[in-house]
C-alpha atoms as a PDB file:
ATOM      1  CA  MET A   1     -10.607 -17.012  10.047  1.00  0.00           C
ATOM      2  CA  LYS A   2      -6.698 -17.460  10.750  1.00  0.00           C
ATOM      3  CA  LYS A   3      -6.580 -19.435   7.833  1.00  0.00           C
ATOM      4  CA  TYR A   4      -7.767 -17.172   5.551  1.00  0.00           C
ATOM      5  CA  LEU A   5      -6.174 -14.206   6.500  1.00  0.00           C
ATOM      6  CA  LEU A   6      -3.124 -16.380   5.519  1.00  0.00           C
ATOM      7  CA  LEU A   7      -4.233 -17.007   2.089  1.00  0.00           C
ATOM      8  CA  PHE A   8      -4.949 -13.621   1.714  1.00  0.00           C
ATOM      9  CA  ALA A   9      -1.579 -12.839   3.090  1.00  0.00           C
ATOM     10  CA  VAL A  10       0.108 -15.561   1.149  1.00  0.00           C
ATOM     11  CA  SER A  11      -2.275 -14.371  -2.395  1.00  0.00           C
ATOM     12  CA  PHE A  12      -1.031 -10.810  -2.026  1.00  0.00           C
ATOM     13  CA  PHE A  13       2.865 -11.821  -1.394  1.00  0.00           C
ATOM     14  CA  LEU A  14       2.601 -13.923  -5.018  1.00  0.00           C
ATOM     15  CA  LEU A  15       0.823 -11.226  -6.952  1.00  0.00           C
ATOM     16  CA  PRO A  16       3.979  -9.542  -7.900  1.00  0.00           C
ATOM     17  CA  PHE A  17       5.679 -12.649  -9.156  1.00  0.00           C
ATOM     18  CA  VAL A  18       2.983 -13.793 -10.942  1.00  0.00           C
ATOM     19  CA  SER A  19       2.155 -10.376 -12.930  1.00  0.00           C
ATOM     20  CA  ASN A  20       6.307 -10.553 -14.010  1.00  0.00           C
ATOM     21  CA  ALA A  21       6.102 -14.095 -14.528  1.00  0.00           C
ATOM     22  CA  GLN A  22       7.960 -15.425 -17.720  1.00  0.00           C
ATOM     23  CA  SER A  23       7.977 -18.475 -19.263  1.00  0.00           C
ATOM     24  CA  VAL A  24      10.768 -21.005 -21.274  1.00  0.00           C
ATOM     25  CA  GLU A  25       8.574 -21.330 -24.086  1.00  0.00           C
ATOM     26  CA  PRO A  26       8.867 -18.140 -26.331  1.00  0.00           C
ATOM     27  CA  LYS A  27       5.311 -19.534 -28.606  1.00  0.00           C
ATOM     28  CA  LEU A  28       3.203 -19.858 -25.127  1.00  0.00           C
ATOM     29  CA  VAL A  29       0.219 -17.485 -25.713  1.00  0.00           C
ATOM     30  CA  TYR A  30      -1.028 -15.385 -22.593  1.00  0.00           C
ATOM     31  CA  PRO A  31      -4.751 -14.221 -22.044  1.00  0.00           C
ATOM     32  CA  ASP A  32      -5.362 -10.788 -23.015  1.00  0.00           C
ATOM     33  CA  ASN A  33      -6.285  -9.976 -19.173  1.00  0.00           C
ATOM     34  CA  LEU A  34      -3.538 -11.267 -17.531  1.00  0.00           C
ATOM     35  CA  ALA A  35      -0.521  -8.791 -16.076  1.00  0.00           C
ATOM     36  CA  ILE A  36       2.826  -9.785 -17.829  1.00  0.00           C
ATOM     37  CA  ASP A  37       6.080  -7.974 -17.891  1.00  0.00           C
ATOM     38  CA  SER A  38       8.219 -10.337 -20.567  1.00  0.00           C
ATOM     39  CA  ASP A  39      11.214  -7.936 -20.080  1.00  0.00           C
ATOM     40  CA  LEU A  40      11.396  -7.499 -16.186  1.00  0.00           C
ATOM     41  CA  ASP A  41      11.307  -3.761 -16.638  1.00  0.00           C
ATOM     42  CA  GLY A  42       8.352  -3.215 -14.247  1.00  0.00           C
ATOM     43  CA  LEU A  43       6.224  -1.856 -16.871  1.00  0.00           C
ATOM     44  CA  THR A  44       3.682  -4.517 -17.662  1.00  0.00           C
ATOM     45  CA  ASP A  45       3.266  -5.122 -21.549  1.00  0.00           C
ATOM     46  CA  ILE A  46      -0.038  -3.824 -21.463  1.00  0.00           C
ATOM     47  CA  GLY A  47       1.107  -0.660 -19.906  1.00  0.00           C
ATOM     48  CA  GLU A  48       4.284  -0.350 -22.188  1.00  0.00           C
ATOM     49  CA  THR A  49       1.678  -0.834 -25.387  1.00  0.00           C
ATOM     50  CA  THR A  50      -1.146   1.050 -24.395  1.00  0.00           C
ATOM     51  CA  ARG A  51      -0.013   3.974 -22.113  1.00  0.00           C
ATOM     52  CA  PHE A  52       4.302   4.560 -22.333  1.00  0.00           C
ATOM     53  CA  LYS A  53       4.729   3.831 -25.921  1.00  0.00           C
ATOM     54  CA  THR A  54       7.881   1.241 -24.911  1.00  0.00           C
ATOM     55  CA  ASP A  55       8.896  -1.806 -26.183  1.00  0.00           C
ATOM     56  CA  PRO A  56       7.948  -4.291 -24.059  1.00  0.00           C
ATOM     57  CA  LYS A  57      10.543  -6.801 -25.164  1.00  0.00           C
ATOM     58  CA  ASN A  58      13.272  -4.253 -24.116  1.00  0.00           C
ATOM     59  CA  PRO A  59      13.425  -3.570 -20.870  1.00  0.00           C
ATOM     60  CA  ASP A  60      15.794  -0.259 -22.041  1.00  0.00           C
ATOM     61  CA  SER A  61      13.606   0.931 -25.366  1.00  0.00           C
ATOM     62  CA  ASP A  62      15.882   4.136 -25.351  1.00  0.00           C
ATOM     63  CA  ALA A  63      19.289   1.858 -24.765  1.00  0.00           C
ATOM     64  CA  ASP A  64      19.789   4.708 -22.572  1.00  0.00           C
ATOM     65  CA  GLY A  65      21.034   2.484 -19.275  1.00  0.00           C
ATOM     66  CA  TRP A  66      17.762   2.701 -17.040  1.00  0.00           C
ATOM     67  CA  TYR A  67      15.185   0.672 -17.591  1.00  0.00           C
ATOM     68  CA  ASP A  68      11.933   1.774 -18.348  1.00  0.00           C
ATOM     69  CA  GLY A  69       9.807   1.003 -15.064  1.00  0.00           C
ATOM     70  CA  THR A  70      12.748   2.904 -13.319  1.00  0.00           C
ATOM     71  CA  GLU A  71      12.456   6.058 -15.932  1.00  0.00           C
ATOM     72  CA  VAL A  72       8.991   6.047 -15.462  1.00  0.00           C
ATOM     73  CA  LEU A  73       8.955   6.107 -11.158  1.00  0.00           C
ATOM     74  CA  ALA A  74      11.616   8.875 -11.693  1.00  0.00           C
ATOM     75  CA  ALA A  75       9.077  10.797 -13.584  1.00  0.00           C
ATOM     76  CA  GLY A  76      11.410  10.624 -16.366  1.00  0.00           C
ATOM     77  CA  ASN A  77      10.650   9.636 -20.508  1.00  0.00           C
ATOM     78  CA  PRO A  78      11.356   6.096 -20.999  1.00  0.00           C
ATOM     79  CA  LEU A  79      11.388   7.144 -25.172  1.00  0.00           C
ATOM     80  CA  ASP A  80      13.836   9.264 -24.118  1.00  0.00           C
ATOM     81  CA  ASN A  81      17.663   8.974 -24.546  1.00  0.00           C
ATOM     82  CA  THR A  82      19.446  12.125 -24.265  1.00  0.00           C
ATOM     83  CA  ALA A  83      18.980  11.875 -19.920  1.00  0.00           C
ATOM     84  CA  PRO A  84      21.777  10.886 -18.346  1.00  0.00           C
ATOM     85  CA  SER A  85      23.640   6.922 -18.757  1.00  0.00           C
ATOM     86  CA  ALA A  86      23.360   5.136 -15.170  1.00  0.00           C
ATOM     87  CA  THR A  87      26.267   4.162 -13.585  1.00  0.00           C
ATOM     88  CA  THR A  88      26.282   0.671 -14.713  1.00  0.00           C
ATOM     89  CA  THR A  89      24.859  -0.455 -18.642  1.00  0.00           C
ATOM     90  CA  ILE A  90      21.602  -2.680 -18.533  1.00  0.00           C
ATOM     91  CA  SER A  91      21.965  -5.599 -20.530  1.00  0.00           C
ATOM     92  CA  THR A  92      19.128  -6.625 -22.614  1.00  0.00           C
ATOM     93  CA  ASP A  93      20.373 -10.100 -23.044  1.00  0.00           C
ATOM     94  CA  THR A  94      17.682 -11.968 -21.390  1.00  0.00           C
ATOM     95  CA  THR A  95      19.913 -14.767 -20.830  1.00  0.00           C
ATOM     96  CA  THR A  96      22.425 -12.952 -18.879  1.00  0.00           C
ATOM     97  CA  ARG A  97      20.125 -10.074 -17.442  1.00  0.00           C
ATOM     98  CA  GLU A  98      20.161 -10.375 -13.142  1.00  0.00           C
ATOM     99  CA  VAL A  99      16.626 -10.793 -11.903  1.00  0.00           C
ATOM    100  CA  PRO A 100      15.641  -7.882  -9.817  1.00  0.00           C
ATOM    101  CA  TRP A 101      14.818  -9.344  -6.596  1.00  0.00           C
ATOM    102  CA  VAL A 102      15.469  -5.812  -4.646  1.00  0.00           C
ATOM    103  CA  TRP A 103      12.182  -4.912  -7.268  1.00  0.00           C
ATOM    104  CA  TYR A 104      10.897  -8.113  -6.696  1.00  0.00           C
ATOM    105  CA  LEU A 105      10.988  -8.034  -2.591  1.00  0.00           C
ATOM    106  CA  THR A 106       9.986  -4.052  -2.506  1.00  0.00           C
ATOM    107  CA  ARG A 107       6.721  -4.229  -4.607  1.00  0.00           C
ATOM    108  CA  ALA A 108       5.182  -8.060  -2.373  1.00  0.00           C
ATOM    109  CA  SER A 109       6.112  -6.078   1.017  1.00  0.00           C
ATOM    110  CA  GLY A 110       4.173  -3.264  -0.021  1.00  0.00           C
ATOM    111  CA  LEU A 111       1.566  -5.269  -0.933  1.00  0.00           C
ATOM    112  CA  ILE A 112       1.258  -7.386   2.049  1.00  0.00           C
ATOM    113  CA  ALA A 113       1.707  -3.696   4.200  1.00  0.00           C
ATOM    114  CA  PHE A 114      -0.965  -2.246   2.449  1.00  0.00           C
ATOM    115  CA  ALA A 115      -3.177  -5.690   2.954  1.00  0.00           C
ATOM    116  CA  PHE A 116      -2.107  -6.211   6.602  1.00  0.00           C
ATOM    117  CA  ALA A 117      -3.222  -2.427   6.803  1.00  0.00           C
ATOM    118  CA  TRP A 118      -6.590  -2.343   5.242  1.00  0.00           C
ATOM    119  CA  ILE A 119      -7.532  -5.915   7.983  1.00  0.00           C
ATOM    120  CA  VAL A 120      -6.652  -4.028  10.863  1.00  0.00           C
ATOM    121  CA  ILE A 121      -8.610  -0.820  10.237  1.00  0.00           C
ATOM    122  CA  PHE A 122     -11.740  -2.765   8.605  1.00  0.00           C
ATOM    123  CA  LEU A 123     -11.487  -4.822  12.749  1.00  0.00           C
ATOM    124  CA  GLY A 124     -10.949  -2.008  14.124  1.00  0.00           C
ATOM    125  CA  VAL A 125     -14.227  -0.534  12.601  1.00  0.00           C
ATOM    126  CA  ALA A 126     -15.858  -3.913  12.338  1.00  0.00           C
ATOM    127  CA  ILE A 127     -15.549  -3.934  16.430  1.00  0.00           C
ATOM    128  CA  ARG A 128     -17.890  -0.471  16.488  1.00  0.00           C
ATOM    129  CA  LEU A 129     -20.083  -1.537  13.882  1.00  0.00           C
ATOM    130  CA  PRO A 130     -23.333  -3.277  15.529  1.00  0.00           C
ATOM    131  CA  ILE A 131     -23.818  -5.508  12.436  1.00  0.00           C
ATOM    132  CA  LEU A 132     -20.531  -6.234  12.049  1.00  0.00           C
ATOM    133  CA  SER A 133     -20.016  -7.032  15.665  1.00  0.00           C
ATOM    134  CA  LYS A 134     -22.327  -9.785  15.767  1.00  0.00           C
ATOM    135  CA  ILE A 135     -20.130 -11.485  12.425  1.00  0.00           C
ATOM    136  CA  LEU A 136     -16.964 -11.174  14.123  1.00  0.00           C
ATOM    137  CA  LYS A 137     -16.686 -11.571  17.413  1.00  0.00           C
ATOM    138  CA  PRO A 138     -15.416  -8.496  18.859  1.00  0.00           C
ATOM    139  CA  THR A 139     -12.960 -10.213  21.086  1.00  0.00           C
ATOM    140  CA  TYR A 140     -11.467 -12.037  18.877  1.00  0.00           C
ATOM    141  CA  SER A 141     -11.542  -9.379  16.105  1.00  0.00           C
ATOM    142  CA  LEU A 142      -9.337  -6.840  18.706  1.00  0.00           C
ATOM    143  CA  SER A 143      -6.597  -9.489  19.140  1.00  0.00           C
ATOM    144  CA  VAL A 144      -6.002  -9.847  15.595  1.00  0.00           C
ATOM    145  CA  HIS A 145      -6.344  -5.670  15.031  1.00  0.00           C
ATOM    146  CA  HIS A 146      -3.286  -5.811  17.964  1.00  0.00           C
ATOM    147  CA  SER A 147      -1.155  -8.538  16.534  1.00  0.00           C
ATOM    148  CA  LEU A 148      -2.094  -7.899  12.656  1.00  0.00           C
ATOM    149  CA  ALA A 149      -0.872  -4.392  13.592  1.00  0.00           C
ATOM    150  CA  PHE A 150       2.625  -5.463  14.640  1.00  0.00           C
ATOM    151  CA  GLN A 151       3.449  -7.465  11.251  1.00  0.00           C
ATOM    152  CA  THR A 152       1.955  -4.679   9.095  1.00  0.00           C
ATOM    153  CA  LEU A 153       4.679  -2.224  11.108  1.00  0.00           C
ATOM    154  CA  PHE A 154       7.309  -4.911   9.405  1.00  0.00           C
ATOM    155  CA  PHE A 155       6.153  -5.390   6.142  1.00  0.00           C
ATOM    156  CA  SER A 156       6.011  -1.186   5.994  1.00  0.00           C
ATOM    157  CA  LEU A 157      10.002  -1.162   7.366  1.00  0.00           C
ATOM    158  CA  LEU A 158      10.507  -4.067   4.670  1.00  0.00           C
ATOM    159  CA  HIS A 159       8.732  -1.848   2.304  1.00  0.00           C
ATOM    160  CA  GLY A 160      11.143   1.105   3.071  1.00  0.00           C
ATOM    161  CA  GLY A 161      14.579  -0.324   3.788  1.00  0.00           C
ATOM    162  CA  SER A 162      14.202  -2.964   0.689  1.00  0.00           C
ATOM    163  CA  PHE A 163      14.450   0.422  -1.395  1.00  0.00           C
ATOM    164  CA  LEU A 164      17.697   1.499  -0.011  1.00  0.00           C
ATOM    165  CA  PHE A 165      19.085  -1.580  -1.966  1.00  0.00           C
ATOM    166  CA  ASP A 166      17.818  -0.607  -5.347  1.00  0.00           C
ATOM    167  CA  PRO A 167      20.726  -0.776  -7.511  1.00  0.00           C
ATOM    168  CA  TYR A 168      19.787   1.832  -9.910  1.00  0.00           C
ATOM    169  CA  LEU A 169      17.978   4.304  -8.703  1.00  0.00           C
ATOM    170  CA  LYS A 170      20.609   3.640  -5.710  1.00  0.00           C
ATOM    171  CA  PRO A 171      18.685   5.645  -3.012  1.00  0.00           C
ATOM    172  CA  SER A 172      20.127   7.777  -0.057  1.00  0.00           C
ATOM    173  CA  PHE A 173      19.329   6.868   3.657  1.00  0.00           C
ATOM    174  CA  ALA A 174      17.759   9.748   3.758  1.00  0.00           C
ATOM    175  CA  ASP A 175      16.121  10.020   0.546  1.00  0.00           C
ATOM    176  CA  VAL A 176      14.092   6.879   2.312  1.00  0.00           C
ATOM    177  CA  PHE A 177      13.831   7.594   5.649  1.00  0.00           C
ATOM    178  CA  ILE A 178      13.125  11.915   4.973  1.00  0.00           C
ATOM    179  CA  PRO A 179      10.696  13.284   4.035  1.00  0.00           C
ATOM    180  CA  PHE A 180      10.939  15.598   1.024  1.00  0.00           C
ATOM    181  CA  TRP A 181      14.609  14.781   0.549  1.00  0.00           C
ATOM    182  CA  THR A 182      14.792  12.641  -2.389  1.00  0.00           C
ATOM    183  CA  ASP A 183      14.881  13.730  -5.744  1.00  0.00           C
ATOM    184  CA  LYS A 184      15.141  10.935  -7.576  1.00  0.00           C
ATOM    185  CA  LEU A 185      11.146  10.041  -7.758  1.00  0.00           C
ATOM    186  CA  ASP A 186       7.796  12.656  -7.245  1.00  0.00           C
ATOM    187  CA  PRO A 187       8.981  14.042  -3.503  1.00  0.00           C
ATOM    188  CA  LEU A 188       5.867  14.153  -3.010  1.00  0.00           C
ATOM    189  CA  SER A 189       4.188  10.838  -3.426  1.00  0.00           C
ATOM    190  CA  LEU A 190       7.389   9.152  -1.386  1.00  0.00           C
ATOM    191  CA  SER A 191       7.107  11.762   1.436  1.00  0.00           C
ATOM    192  CA  LEU A 192       3.454  10.728   1.708  1.00  0.00           C
ATOM    193  CA  GLY A 193       4.133   7.177   2.110  1.00  0.00           C
ATOM    194  CA  ILE A 194       7.634   8.505   4.907  1.00  0.00           C
ATOM    195  CA  LEU A 195       5.081  10.402   6.729  1.00  0.00           C
ATOM    196  CA  ALA A 196       2.298   7.372   6.841  1.00  0.00           C
ATOM    197  CA  LEU A 197       5.269   5.044   8.201  1.00  0.00           C
ATOM    198  CA  TYR A 198       5.833   7.734  11.136  1.00  0.00           C
ATOM    199  CA  GLY A 199       2.532   7.765  12.113  1.00  0.00           C
ATOM    200  CA  PHE A 200       1.437   4.137  11.698  1.00  0.00           C
ATOM    201  CA  ILE A 201       4.887   3.736  14.070  1.00  0.00           C
ATOM    202  CA  ILE A 202       3.544   6.270  16.163  1.00  0.00           C
ATOM    203  CA  LEU A 203       0.294   4.076  16.180  1.00  0.00           C
ATOM    204  CA  VAL A 204       1.353   0.540  17.347  1.00  0.00           C
ATOM    205  CA  LEU A 205       3.871   2.524  19.702  1.00  0.00           C
ATOM    206  CA  THR A 206       0.739   4.307  21.990  1.00  0.00           C
ATOM    207  CA  SER A 207      -1.317   1.077  21.393  1.00  0.00           C
ATOM    208  CA  TRP A 208       1.333  -1.272  22.747  1.00  0.00           C
ATOM    209  CA  MET A 209       1.873   1.640  25.618  1.00  0.00           C
ATOM    210  CA  LYS A 210      -2.407   1.790  26.473  1.00  0.00           C
ATOM    211  CA  PRO A 211      -2.266   0.688  29.559  1.00  0.00           C
ATOM    212  CA  MET A 212       1.037   3.027  31.358  1.00  0.00           C
ATOM    213  CA  ILE A 213      -0.832   6.179  29.308  1.00  0.00           C
ATOM    214  CA  PRO A 214      -3.934   8.316  29.902  1.00  0.00           C
ATOM    215  CA  HIS A 215      -6.657   7.281  27.474  1.00  0.00           C
ATOM    216  CA  ARG A 216      -7.740  10.611  26.549  1.00  0.00           C
ATOM    217  CA  VAL A 217      -4.078  10.846  24.971  1.00  0.00           C
ATOM    218  CA  TRP A 218      -4.797   7.588  23.044  1.00  0.00           C
ATOM    219  CA  ARG A 219      -7.994   8.397  21.681  1.00  0.00           C
ATOM    220  CA  VAL A 220      -6.310  11.621  20.304  1.00  0.00           C
ATOM    221  CA  THR A 221      -2.809   9.859  18.684  1.00  0.00           C
ATOM    222  CA  HIS A 222      -5.332   7.096  17.293  1.00  0.00           C
ATOM    223  CA  PHE A 223      -7.043   9.728  15.077  1.00  0.00           C
ATOM    224  CA  LEU A 224      -3.556   9.426  13.516  1.00  0.00           C
ATOM    225  CA  ASN A 225      -5.158   5.973  11.527  1.00  0.00           C
ATOM    226  CA  ILE A 226      -7.383   8.463   9.384  1.00  0.00           C
ATOM    227  CA  PHE A 227      -3.793  10.219   8.060  1.00  0.00           C
ATOM    228  CA  VAL A 228      -2.127   7.362   7.627  1.00  0.00           C
ATOM    229  CA  TYR A 229      -4.931   6.003   5.376  1.00  0.00           C
ATOM    230  CA  VAL A 230      -5.352   8.585   3.399  1.00  0.00           C
ATOM    231  CA  ALA A 231      -1.457   8.887   3.028  1.00  0.00           C
ATOM    232  CA  VAL A 232      -0.858   5.425   2.129  1.00  0.00           C
ATOM    233  CA  ILE A 233      -3.758   5.124  -0.393  1.00  0.00           C
ATOM    234  CA  THR A 234      -2.360   7.893  -2.610  1.00  0.00           C
ATOM    235  CA  HIS A 235       1.518   7.185  -2.207  1.00  0.00           C
ATOM    236  CA  ALA A 236       0.275   3.555  -3.985  1.00  0.00           C
ATOM    237  CA  LEU A 237      -2.000   5.565  -6.497  1.00  0.00           C
ATOM    238  CA  LEU A 238       1.048   7.298  -7.101  1.00  0.00           C
ATOM    239  CA  LEU A 239       3.711   5.123  -7.008  1.00  0.00           C
ATOM    240  CA  GLY A 240       2.244   2.016  -7.127  1.00  0.00           C
ATOM    241  CA  THR A 241       3.702   0.283 -10.363  1.00  0.00           C
ATOM    242  CA  ASP A 242       1.185  -2.685 -10.092  1.00  0.00           C
ATOM    243  CA  LEU A 243      -1.844  -0.611  -9.937  1.00  0.00           C
ATOM    244  CA  ALA A 244      -1.008   0.978 -13.556  1.00  0.00           C
ATOM    245  CA  ASN A 245      -3.097  -2.494 -14.193  1.00  0.00           C
ATOM    246  CA  PRO A 246      -6.748  -1.626 -14.757  1.00  0.00           C
ATOM    247  CA  LEU A 247      -7.639  -5.014 -12.293  1.00  0.00           C
ATOM    248  CA  TYR A 248      -5.734  -4.670 -10.131  1.00  0.00           C
ATOM    249  CA  ARG A 249      -6.167  -0.738  -9.404  1.00  0.00           C
ATOM    250  CA  ASN A 250     -10.232  -1.102  -9.966  1.00  0.00           C
ATOM    251  CA  ILE A 251      -9.952  -3.690  -7.063  1.00  0.00           C
ATOM    252  CA  PHE A 252      -7.682  -1.235  -5.215  1.00  0.00           C
ATOM    253  CA  ILE A 253     -10.306   1.348  -5.243  1.00  0.00           C
ATOM    254  CA  SER A 254     -13.240  -0.716  -4.610  1.00  0.00           C
ATOM    255  CA  ALA A 255     -11.432  -2.484  -1.654  1.00  0.00           C
ATOM    256  CA  ASN A 256     -10.654   1.330  -0.310  1.00  0.00           C
ATOM    257  CA  ILE A 257     -14.676   2.960  -1.483  1.00  0.00           C
ATOM    258  CA  PHE A 258     -16.076   0.094   1.245  1.00  0.00           C
ATOM    259  CA  LEU A 259     -13.764   0.234   3.388  1.00  0.00           C
ATOM    260  CA  MET A 260     -14.174   4.548   3.599  1.00  0.00           C
ATOM    261  CA  GLY A 261     -17.482   3.971   3.223  1.00  0.00           C
ATOM    262  CA  LEU A 262     -17.765   1.546   7.020  1.00  0.00           C
ATOM    263  CA  ILE A 263     -15.881   4.909   8.343  1.00  0.00           C
ATOM    264  CA  LEU A 264     -18.233   7.442   7.209  1.00  0.00           C
ATOM    265  CA  LEU A 265     -20.848   4.880   8.835  1.00  0.00           C
ATOM    266  CA  ASN A 266     -18.801   4.490  12.176  1.00  0.00           C
ATOM    267  CA  PHE A 267     -19.123   8.605  12.603  1.00  0.00           C
ATOM    268  CA  ALA A 268     -22.467   8.738  11.446  1.00  0.00           C
ATOM    269  CA  LEU A 269     -23.686   6.628  14.097  1.00  0.00           C
ATOM    270  CA  LYS A 270     -20.959   7.873  17.187  1.00  0.00           C
ATOM    271  CA  LEU A 271     -22.829  11.719  15.803  1.00  0.00           C
ATOM    272  CA  VAL A 272     -25.958  10.133  16.269  1.00  0.00           C
ATOM    273  CA  GLY A 273     -24.736   8.130  19.834  1.00  0.00           C
ATOM    274  CA  ALA A 274     -24.041  11.755  21.090  1.00  0.00           C
ATOM    275  CA  PHE A 275     -26.505  13.938  19.574  1.00  0.00           C
ATOM    276  CA  GLN A 276     -29.000  11.964  21.524  1.00  0.00           C
ATOM    277  CA  LYS A 277     -27.083  11.879  24.917  1.00  0.00           C
ATOM    278  CA  GLN A 278     -27.844  15.850  24.689  1.00  0.00           C
ATOM    279  CA  GLN A 279     -31.303  15.707  24.241  1.00  0.00           C
ATOM    280  CA  PRO A 280     -32.635  16.705  27.451  1.00  0.00           C
ATOM    281  CA  THR A 281     -34.850  14.342  29.680  1.00  0.00           C
ATOM    282  CA  THR A 282     -38.044  15.122  30.569  1.00  0.00           C
ATOM    283  CA  THR A 283     -40.023  14.035  33.384  1.00  0.00           C
ATOM    284  CA  SER A 284     -43.714  14.115  33.752  1.00  0.00           C
ATOM    285  CA  THR A 285     -44.420  16.061  37.691  1.00  0.00           C
ATOM    286  CA  THR A 286     -47.857  15.451  39.623  1.00  0.00           C
ATOM    287  CA  PRO A 287     -49.652  18.117  41.075  1.00  0.00           C
ATOM    288  CA  THR A 288     -49.827  17.612  44.666  1.00  0.00           C
ATOM    289  CA  PRO A 289     -53.577  18.287  45.756  1.00  0.00           C
END
């Protein structure tokens, strides 16, 4: 199973690079369903032509010094050149333009963090569901659940930390780590991601300290995973540029509907079990002669 988890993680890490790959052959024709970002501005060609009406061959369609993808993230208009220019003009010459490695790192680490978080929640629920616990050994699932949680936290911190070095938005430490502080991106969607990060830190720390704290405290704190899960999904849907692609968005939504169904099933089984325990037990008594 470790091999499958490693393959899953590597696939998510390579996903943003594949979706933005450029070919040195200008006449190469890509399949219609492949997500291509020809000008490396953070928007797919399909999204530029059908949704944003920008030039898929020009990273700065309105020539105002901002990448089209950056303007979309900042809730701006990529076709309005009256917006304030960036401090550094972006070159449209594809032979001299720098590769946006920070942009790639932020997106890739975010995708890996979400994939690992999904697996962590899935294994946590699978331990408590009779059908899945027979397929996945609870002892092994619990071990992977704990170890993968630390890796999820690492990539979550990398996702937020790498955003600090974005050369176009140039966010401050407060923009990245204080909720509702920034004015460079949508405050609500970014703040949900920040709050989810803090919630996940609490979950990991209390799980690590479980032998040293009362079980009830750990149990109550662990209910934060519901808020963290919902906040991460909302954050990804509102700010995730990869999810503008219909294929990726449908996969993302389907995976979360499946996981949410398992979570609701787990709650339903707990309620049934609690109801059965509360039922009074009747004992038959034989009258004495």
